[in-house]
C-alpha atoms as a PDB file:
ATOM      1  CA  MET A   1       0.000   0.000   0.000  1.00  0.00           C
ATOM      2  CA  THR A   2       1.440   3.368  -0.954  1.00  0.00           C
ATOM      3  CA  VAL A   3       1.744   6.414   1.251  1.00  0.00           C
ATOM      4  CA  GLN A   4      -0.748   8.195  -1.015  1.00  0.00           C
ATOM      5  CA  THR A   5      -3.288   5.398  -0.543  1.00  0.00           C
ATOM      6  CA  LEU A   6      -2.799   5.556   3.227  1.00  0.00           C
ATOM      7  CA  ARG A   7      -3.232   9.316   3.151  1.00  0.00           C
ATOM      8  CA  ARG A   8      -6.413   9.086   1.086  1.00  0.00           C
ATOM      9  CA  SER A   9      -7.829   6.414   3.419  1.00  0.00           C
ATOM     10  CA  ALA A  10      -6.970   8.378   6.524  1.00  0.00           C
ATOM     11  CA  LEU A  11      -8.480  11.536   5.070  1.00  0.00           C
ATOM     12  CA  LYS A  12     -11.995  10.114   4.705  1.00  0.00           C
ATOM     13  CA  ILE A  13     -13.143  12.149   7.670  1.00  0.00           C
ATOM     14  CA  ASP A  14     -16.764  12.666   8.553  1.00  0.00           C
ATOM     15  CA  THR A  15     -17.378  16.231   9.719  1.00  0.00           C
ATOM     16  CA  ALA A  16     -19.559  14.902  12.572  1.00  0.00           C
ATOM     17  CA  ASP A  17     -16.535  12.993  13.903  1.00  0.00           C
ATOM     18  CA  ILE A  18     -14.480  16.159  14.195  1.00  0.00           C
ATOM     19  CA  GLY A  19     -16.589  17.544  17.005  1.00  0.00           C
ATOM     20  CA  ILE A  20     -14.605  20.760  17.371  1.00  0.00           C
ATOM     21  CA  GLY A  21     -16.294  22.931  14.788  1.00  0.00           C
ATOM     22  CA  ALA A  22     -13.485  22.488  12.267  1.00  0.00           C
ATOM     23  CA  SER A  23     -14.372  21.565   8.741  1.00  0.00           C
ATOM     24  CA  ALA A  24     -13.262  18.306   7.187  1.00  0.00           C
ATOM     25  CA  GLU A  25     -11.138  20.338   4.789  1.00  0.00           C
ATOM     26  CA  THR A  26      -9.348  22.040   7.701  1.00  0.00           C
ATOM     27  CA  VAL A  27      -8.575  18.670   9.258  1.00  0.00           C
ATOM     28  CA  ARG A  28      -7.530  17.297   5.872  1.00  0.00           C
ATOM     29  CA  SER A  29      -5.117  20.155   5.174  1.00  0.00           C
ATOM     30  CA  GLY A  30      -3.728  19.980   8.728  1.00  0.00           C
ATOM     31  CA  TYR A  31      -3.139  16.260   8.366  1.00  0.00           C
ATOM     32  CA  LEU A  32      -1.375  16.670   5.028  1.00  0.00           C
ATOM     33  CA  GLU A  33       0.780  19.481   6.396  1.00  0.00           C
ATOM     34  CA  LEU A  34       1.701  17.393   9.437  1.00  0.00           C
ATOM     35  CA  THR A  35       2.673  14.305   7.434  1.00  0.00           C
ATOM     36  CA  SER A  36       4.669  16.461   5.043  1.00  0.00           C
ATOM     37  CA  MET A  37       6.403  18.148   7.985  1.00  0.00           C
ATOM     38  CA  LEU A  38       7.261  14.773   9.541  1.00  0.00           C
ATOM     39  CA  ASP A  39       9.023  13.735   6.357  1.00  0.00           C
ATOM     40  CA  ARG A  40      10.835  17.073   6.038  1.00  0.00           C
ATOM     41  CA  LEU A  41      11.933  17.101   9.695  1.00  0.00           C
ATOM     42  CA  HIS A  42      13.229  13.551   9.453  1.00  0.00           C
ATOM     43  CA  ARG A  43      15.340  14.470   6.428  1.00  0.00           C
ATOM     44  CA  ARG A  44      16.477  17.678   8.141  1.00  0.00           C
ATOM     45  CA  TYR A  45      17.519  15.784  11.269  1.00  0.00           C
ATOM     46  CA  LEU A  46      19.502  13.330   9.140  1.00  0.00           C
ATOM     47  CA  ASP A  47      21.246  16.368   7.618  1.00  0.00           C
ATOM     48  CA  VAL A  48      22.057  17.660  11.118  1.00  0.00           C
ATOM     49  CA  VAL A  49      23.584  14.285  11.991  1.00  0.00           C
ATOM     50  CA  ARG A  50      25.468  14.227   8.657  1.00  0.00           C
ATOM     51  CA  VAL A  51      26.996  17.646   9.386  1.00  0.00           C
ATOM     52  CA  GLU A  52      28.064  16.447  12.850  1.00  0.00           C
ATOM     53  CA  LEU A  53      29.599  13.283  11.388  1.00  0.00           C
ATOM     54  CA  GLU A  54      31.496  15.385   8.858  1.00  0.00           C
ATOM     55  CA  SER A  55      32.775  17.661  11.629  1.00  0.00           C
ATOM     56  CA  MET A  56      34.095  14.519  13.341  1.00  0.00           C
ATOM     57  CA  GLY A  57      35.842  13.481  10.125  1.00  0.00           C
ATOM     58  CA  ILE A  58      33.614  10.429   9.748  1.00  0.00           C
ATOM     59  CA  ASN A  59      32.576   9.660   6.198  1.00  0.00           C
ATOM     60  CA  ASN A  60      32.302   5.876   6.145  1.00  0.00           C
ATOM     61  CA  ILE A  61      28.858   5.672   7.764  1.00  0.00           C
ATOM     62  CA  ASN A  62      25.633   7.504   7.006  1.00  0.00           C
ATOM     63  CA  PRO A  63      23.365   9.369   9.430  1.00  0.00           C
ATOM     64  CA  SER A  64      20.880   6.488   9.637  1.00  0.00           C
ATOM     65  CA  GLN A  65      23.659   4.149  10.693  1.00  0.00           C
ATOM     66  CA  ALA A  66      24.868   6.673  13.285  1.00  0.00           C
ATOM     67  CA  LEU A  67      21.336   6.907  14.687  1.00  0.00           C
ATOM     68  CA  MET A  68      21.207   3.115  14.870  1.00  0.00           C
ATOM     69  CA  LEU A  69      24.299   3.320  17.085  1.00  0.00           C
ATOM     70  CA  VAL A  70      22.476   5.847  19.274  1.00  0.00           C
ATOM     71  CA  GLY A  71      19.511   3.447  19.421  1.00  0.00           C
ATOM     72  CA  ILE A  72      21.787   0.675  20.675  1.00  0.00           C
ATOM     73  CA  GLY A  73      23.418   3.016  23.160  1.00  0.00           C
ATOM     74  CA  ASP A  74      24.730   1.373  26.312  1.00  0.00           C
ATOM     75  CA  GLU A  75      22.779  -1.830  25.752  1.00  0.00           C
ATOM     76  CA  ASP A  76      24.016  -5.265  24.869  1.00  0.00           C
ATOM     77  CA  ILE A  77      21.101  -5.917  22.536  1.00  0.00           C
ATOM     78  CA  PRO A  78      20.013  -8.841  20.372  1.00  0.00           C
ATOM     79  CA  VAL A  79      19.550  -8.023  16.699  1.00  0.00           C
ATOM     80  CA  ARG A  80      15.884  -9.031  16.941  1.00  0.00           C
ATOM     81  CA  ASP A  81      15.333  -6.244  19.510  1.00  0.00           C
ATOM     82  CA  LEU A  82      16.589  -3.668  17.025  1.00  0.00           C
ATOM     83  CA  ILE A  83      13.910  -4.910  14.680  1.00  0.00           C
ATOM     84  CA  HIS A  84      11.049  -5.246  17.166  1.00  0.00           C
ATOM     85  CA  ARG A  85      11.661  -2.638  19.871  1.00  0.00           C
ATOM     86  CA  LYS A  86      13.523  -0.016  17.889  1.00  0.00           C
ATOM     87  CA  GLY A  87      11.378  -0.341  14.763  1.00  0.00           C
ATOM     88  CA  TYR A  88      14.012  -1.045  12.131  1.00  0.00           C
ATOM     89  CA  GLN A  89      13.336  -3.247   9.115  1.00  0.00           C
ATOM     90  CA  ALA A  90      15.125  -6.596   9.121  1.00  0.00           C
ATOM     91  CA  SER A  91      16.879  -6.036   5.781  1.00  0.00           C
ATOM     92  CA  THR A  92      18.072  -2.608   6.908  1.00  0.00           C
ATOM     93  CA  VAL A  93      19.369  -3.985  10.197  1.00  0.00           C
ATOM     94  CA  SER A  94      21.281  -6.803   8.493  1.00  0.00           C
ATOM     95  CA  TYR A  95      23.008  -4.468   6.061  1.00  0.00           C
ATOM     96  CA  ASN A  96      23.775  -1.757   8.626  1.00  0.00           C
ATOM     97  CA  VAL A  97      25.008  -4.179  11.284  1.00  0.00           C
ATOM     98  CA  LYS A  98      27.358  -5.706   8.725  1.00  0.00           C
ATOM     99  CA  LYS A  99      28.736  -2.294   7.690  1.00  0.00           C
ATOM    100  CA  LEU A 100      28.976  -0.926  11.235  1.00  0.00           C
ATOM    101  CA  SER A 101      30.832  -4.071  12.315  1.00  0.00           C
ATOM    102  CA  GLU A 102      33.187  -3.924   9.317  1.00  0.00           C
ATOM    103  CA  TYR A 103      34.077  -0.332  10.167  1.00  0.00           C
ATOM    104  CA  GLY A 104      34.630  -1.130  13.836  1.00  0.00           C
ATOM    105  CA  TYR A 105      31.652   0.704  15.370  1.00  0.00           C
ATOM    106  CA  LEU A 106      29.827  -2.426  16.551  1.00  0.00           C
ATOM    107  CA  GLU A 107      30.874  -5.663  18.170  1.00  0.00           C
ATOM    108  CA  GLN A 108      28.849  -8.814  17.524  1.00  0.00           C
ATOM    109  CA  GLU A 109      28.671 -11.898  19.688  1.00  0.00           C
ATOM    110  CA  ARG A 110      26.807 -15.097  18.916  1.00  0.00           C
ATOM    111  CA  ALA A 111      24.905 -16.601  21.809  1.00  0.00           C
ATOM    112  CA  ALA A 112      26.443 -19.833  23.080  1.00  0.00           C
ATOM    113  CA  HIS A 113      23.040 -21.499  23.477  1.00  0.00           C
ATOM    114  CA  ASP A 114      21.731 -20.459  20.032  1.00  0.00           C
ATOM    115  CA  ARG A 115      24.297 -19.728  17.345  1.00  0.00           C
ATOM    116  CA  ARG A 116      21.611 -17.971  15.258  1.00  0.00           C
ATOM    117  CA  SER A 117      21.139 -15.287  17.917  1.00  0.00           C
ATOM    118  CA  VAL A 118      23.541 -12.354  17.689  1.00  0.00           C
ATOM    119  CA  ARG A 119      23.994  -9.714  20.372  1.00  0.00           C
ATOM    120  CA  LEU A 120      25.319  -6.264  19.557  1.00  0.00           C
ATOM    121  CA  ARG A 121      27.194  -3.713  21.588  1.00  0.00           C
ATOM    122  CA  LEU A 122      29.061  -0.574  20.704  1.00  0.00           C
ATOM    123  CA  SER A 123      32.799  -0.691  20.304  1.00  0.00           C
ATOM    124  CA  PRO A 124      34.813   2.175  21.830  1.00  0.00           C
ATOM    125  CA  LYS A 125      34.724   3.802  18.391  1.00  0.00           C
ATOM    126  CA  GLY A 126      30.914   3.470  18.308  1.00  0.00           C
ATOM    127  CA  ARG A 127      30.590   4.829  21.860  1.00  0.00           C
ATOM    128  CA  ASP A 128      32.580   7.904  20.805  1.00  0.00           C
ATOM    129  CA  ILE A 129      30.088   8.670  18.026  1.00  0.00           C
ATOM    130  CA  VAL A 130      27.133   8.163  20.371  1.00  0.00           C
ATOM    131  CA  THR A 131      28.698  10.462  22.981  1.00  0.00           C
ATOM    132  CA  ARG A 132      29.219  13.166  20.361  1.00  0.00           C
ATOM    133  CA  LEU A 133      25.663  12.842  19.044  1.00  0.00           C
ATOM    134  CA  ARG A 134      24.242  12.978  22.563  1.00  0.00           C
ATOM    135  CA  ASP A 135      26.303  16.127  23.163  1.00  0.00           C
ATOM    136  CA  LEU A 136      24.807  17.566  19.974  1.00  0.00           C
ATOM    137  CA  GLU A 137      21.303  16.748  21.232  1.00  0.00           C
ATOM    138  CA  ALA A 138      22.102  18.387  24.580  1.00  0.00           C
ATOM    139  CA  ARG A 139      23.265  21.552  22.788  1.00  0.00           C
ATOM    140  CA  HIS A 140      20.049  21.603  20.775  1.00  0.00           C
ATOM    141  CA  MET A 141      17.959  21.077  23.917  1.00  0.00           C
ATOM    142  CA  GLU A 142      19.569  24.166  25.430  1.00  0.00           C
ATOM    143  CA  PHE A 143      17.702  26.234  22.837  1.00  0.00           C
ATOM    144  CA  SER A 144      14.464  25.472  24.682  1.00  0.00           C
ATOM    145  CA  ASN A 145      15.895  26.192  28.123  1.00  0.00           C
ATOM    146  CA  GLY A 146      13.813  28.896  29.771  1.00  0.00           C
ATOM    147  CA  ARG A 147      11.415  29.137  26.830  1.00  0.00           C
ATOM    148  CA  SER A 148       8.249  27.792  28.395  1.00  0.00           C
ATOM    149  CA  GLU A 149       6.150  28.454  25.268  1.00  0.00           C
ATOM    150  CA  LEU A 150       8.509  26.331  23.173  1.00  0.00           C
ATOM    151  CA  LEU A 151       8.510  23.596  25.809  1.00  0.00           C
ATOM    152  CA  ARG A 152       4.681  23.537  25.895  1.00  0.00           C
ATOM    153  CA  GLY A 153       4.646  23.386  22.104  1.00  0.00           C
ATOM    154  CA  MET A 154       7.021  20.409  22.107  1.00  0.00           C
ATOM    155  CA  GLU A 155       4.873  18.644  24.712  1.00  0.00           C
ATOM    156  CA  ASN A 156       1.742  19.251  22.614  1.00  0.00           C
ATOM    157  CA  ALA A 157       3.506  18.104  19.434  1.00  0.00           C
ATOM    158  CA  THR A 158       4.685  14.945  21.172  1.00  0.00           C
ATOM    159  CA  SER A 159       1.188  14.220  22.430  1.00  0.00           C
ATOM    160  CA  THR A 160      -0.266  14.721  18.943  1.00  0.00           C
ATOM    161  CA  LEU A 161       2.396  12.510  17.361  1.00  0.00           C
ATOM    162  CA  ARG A 162       1.709   9.751  19.905  1.00  0.00           C
ATOM    163  CA  GLN A 163      -1.976   9.877  18.998  1.00  0.00           C
ATOM    164  CA  LEU A 164      -1.157   9.756  15.293  1.00  0.00           C
ATOM    165  CA  ASP A 165       1.203   6.826  15.937  1.00  0.00           C
ATOM    166  CA  GLN A 166      -1.645   4.993  17.679  1.00  0.00           C
ATOM    167  CA  ILE A 167      -4.054   5.701  14.809  1.00  0.00           C
ATOM    168  CA  TRP A 168      -1.549   4.439  12.257  1.00  0.00           C
ATOM    169  CA  ALA A 169      -0.700   1.351  14.349  1.00  0.00           C
ATOM    170  CA  GLU A 170      -4.403   0.504  14.585  1.00  0.00           C
ATOM    171  CA  TYR A 171      -4.800   1.034  10.836  1.00  0.00           C
ATOM    172  CA  ILE A 172      -1.881  -1.302  10.122  1.00  0.00           C
ATOM    173  CA  THR A 173      -3.234  -3.929  12.509  1.00  0.00           C
ATOM    174  CA  PHE A 174      -6.943  -3.744  11.776  1.00  0.00           C
ATOM    175  CA  GLY A 175      -7.170  -2.066   8.377  1.00  0.00           C
END
């Protein structure tokens, strides 16, 4: 199913269901703007990570791979948990784990009781990248320090995105 099909399905909104006096067209345009903004912000954040990687002199991994390292963090995590808990696709995980291991950012260890099960942990080189990216996040969080209006806006945005995540999860599960 394409993103456009999902958007069209999700946009079949009955005005009576809105219940806040907004027109279906207002909800429709807000939804389209939000989904467009999600895509744009994701790409923008990857660019932010890319710039940070470049400033570190790292050019052998991409921003998505760096964020996978952040997702692993301090854990000793089975590959299956990256797929299930962290939301990565299996084919993406396989490729990225292979590359990150080849470049020395990840260490892999097969479980003694089940040779098919692989656990991952960051190497010192991988921990260095994660530390730098967490420092970057901390610097960015400082922008909101003392700006209560911005903080309230982020809390509202997070709440809205959680609701949208729930709606999409239910759509995927139940159609």
